[in-house]
Every structure is written in C-alpha cells, then in structure tokens.
C-alpha cells in the first residue's frame, strides 16, 4: 500500500520461507523454530548449516558468500538471529539488483 508498508511484507514473507527451508533441511519441526530457540538445542550443527545455506541459495536464487558480511553465521545462537541476518542480507543485496 504505502512505501512504508511495502518492505515489511516481503521481509516477513522471506523470513517465513527461510523458516520453512531451515525446518526441511535441518529436519526440525517448524513449530520448534521460534525466534528464541537455540540452534544447538534443535540439533542444527555447522554441517547442517551448510546444507541449509545451499538450499536457500538454490530455492531462492541468491548467493550467500559465507566469507563476507555473513561470516558470523557460525556465531548465531538463535533461530531469530539467523533468520534476521539472512533476511537482512538477502533484502539488502536484492534491492540493488
């Protein structure tokens, strides 16, 4: 509707797509992927994270260079931190495309 409304809908839709991919590839029931859920308590290890990132790239048609501004992905502790970082990166890097 307004330009202030436009960014929120795509970002929230993207966040939900990311939750779905994390659930599928991380083999975690989506209802457990709450923003404050600790990734390690869900059994999502670094090897799982690589599979998740590859699936995100493939399904969303984006490139996520792990050795750049997202190098801290391994330091993310919660689902919310992970989704916020990925959403922000994807939105920032697709806006100029």
Protein backbone atom coordinates (compact mmCIF):
# COMPACT_ATOMS: atom_id res chain seq x y z
CA UNK A 1 0.00 0.00 0.00
CA UNK A 2 2.29 2.82 1.23
CA UNK A 3 6.01 2.73 0.65
CA UNK A 4 6.36 2.16 4.40
CA UNK A 5 4.21 -0.95 4.12
CA UNK A 6 5.99 -2.43 1.09
CA UNK A 7 9.28 -3.60 2.68
CA UNK A 8 7.63 -5.29 5.66
CA UNK A 9 5.53 -7.76 3.69
CA UNK A 10 8.36 -9.10 1.50
CA UNK A 11 10.71 -9.33 4.51
CA UNK A 12 8.17 -11.24 6.60
CA UNK A 13 7.37 -13.49 3.66
CA UNK A 14 11.09 -14.09 3.14
CA UNK A 15 11.55 -14.85 6.85
CA UNK A 16 8.78 -17.46 6.62
CA UNK A 17 10.39 -19.01 3.52
CA UNK A 18 13.67 -19.21 5.42
CA UNK A 19 11.95 -20.87 8.40
CA UNK A 20 10.48 -23.46 6.03
CA UNK A 21 13.85 -24.20 4.44
CA UNK A 22 15.56 -24.43 7.83
CA UNK A 23 12.84 -26.79 9.03
CA UNK A 24 13.08 -29.03 5.97
CA UNK A 25 16.85 -29.12 5.59
CA UNK A 26 17.60 -29.11 9.32
CA UNK A 27 14.96 -31.79 9.89
CA UNK A 28 13.36 -29.78 12.69
CA UNK A 29 9.58 -29.41 13.08
CA UNK A 30 8.71 -25.86 12.02
CA UNK A 31 6.78 -25.19 15.23
CA UNK A 32 10.08 -25.54 17.15
CA UNK A 33 11.70 -22.78 15.07
CA UNK A 34 10.70 -19.91 17.33
CA UNK A 35 12.83 -16.75 17.34
CA UNK A 36 14.34 -17.51 20.75
CA UNK A 37 15.01 -21.22 20.08
CA UNK A 38 18.71 -22.04 20.43
CA UNK A 39 20.13 -23.60 17.27
CA UNK A 40 22.24 -26.10 19.22
CA UNK A 41 19.22 -27.27 21.24
CA UNK A 42 17.49 -28.02 17.91
CA UNK A 43 20.43 -30.15 16.78
CA UNK A 44 21.44 -27.78 13.97
CA UNK A 45 25.21 -28.18 13.68
CA UNK A 46 27.65 -26.39 11.37
CA UNK A 47 27.40 -29.17 8.77
CA UNK A 48 23.61 -28.77 8.81
CA UNK A 49 24.05 -25.03 8.40
CA UNK A 50 26.00 -25.55 5.17
CA UNK A 51 23.21 -27.75 3.77
CA UNK A 52 20.64 -25.15 4.83
CA UNK A 53 22.60 -22.33 3.16
CA UNK A 54 22.97 -24.30 -0.07
CA UNK A 55 19.21 -24.98 -0.10
CA UNK A 56 18.49 -21.27 0.49
CA UNK A 57 20.74 -20.36 -2.42
CA UNK A 58 19.11 -22.92 -4.69
CA UNK A 59 15.48 -22.29 -3.74
CA UNK A 60 15.64 -18.50 -3.52
CA UNK A 61 18.13 -17.92 -6.32
CA UNK A 62 20.55 -15.96 -4.14
CA UNK A 63 24.26 -16.27 -3.44
CA UNK A 64 25.29 -16.22 0.20
CA UNK A 65 29.05 -15.66 0.48
CA UNK A 66 29.84 -17.13 3.89
CA UNK A 67 33.24 -15.43 3.97
CA UNK A 68 31.85 -11.90 3.79
CA UNK A 69 29.44 -9.95 6.00
CA UNK A 70 27.71 -13.21 6.96
CA UNK A 71 30.91 -14.78 8.26
CA UNK A 72 29.35 -14.61 11.73
CA UNK A 73 26.64 -17.15 10.81
CA UNK A 74 28.51 -19.76 12.83
CA UNK A 75 28.21 -17.49 15.86
CA UNK A 76 24.44 -17.18 15.61
CA UNK A 77 22.85 -18.70 18.69
CA UNK A 78 19.12 -18.47 17.99
CA UNK A 79 16.73 -19.05 15.13
CA UNK A 80 15.74 -15.39 15.28
CA UNK A 81 19.34 -14.16 14.94
CA UNK A 82 19.90 -16.47 11.97
CA UNK A 83 16.71 -15.51 10.16
CA UNK A 84 17.23 -11.78 10.83
CA UNK A 85 20.79 -11.93 9.46
CA UNK A 86 19.79 -13.90 6.36
CA UNK A 87 16.70 -11.79 5.69
CA UNK A 88 18.64 -8.56 6.05
CA UNK A 89 21.41 -9.78 3.77
CA UNK A 90 19.04 -11.03 1.07
CA UNK A 91 16.88 -7.88 1.15
CA UNK A 92 19.91 -5.56 1.04
CA UNK A 93 21.56 -7.45 -1.80
CA UNK A 94 18.46 -7.93 -3.93
CA UNK A 95 17.24 -4.34 -3.60
CA UNK A 96 20.03 -3.05 -5.81
CA UNK A 97 19.69 -5.83 -8.35
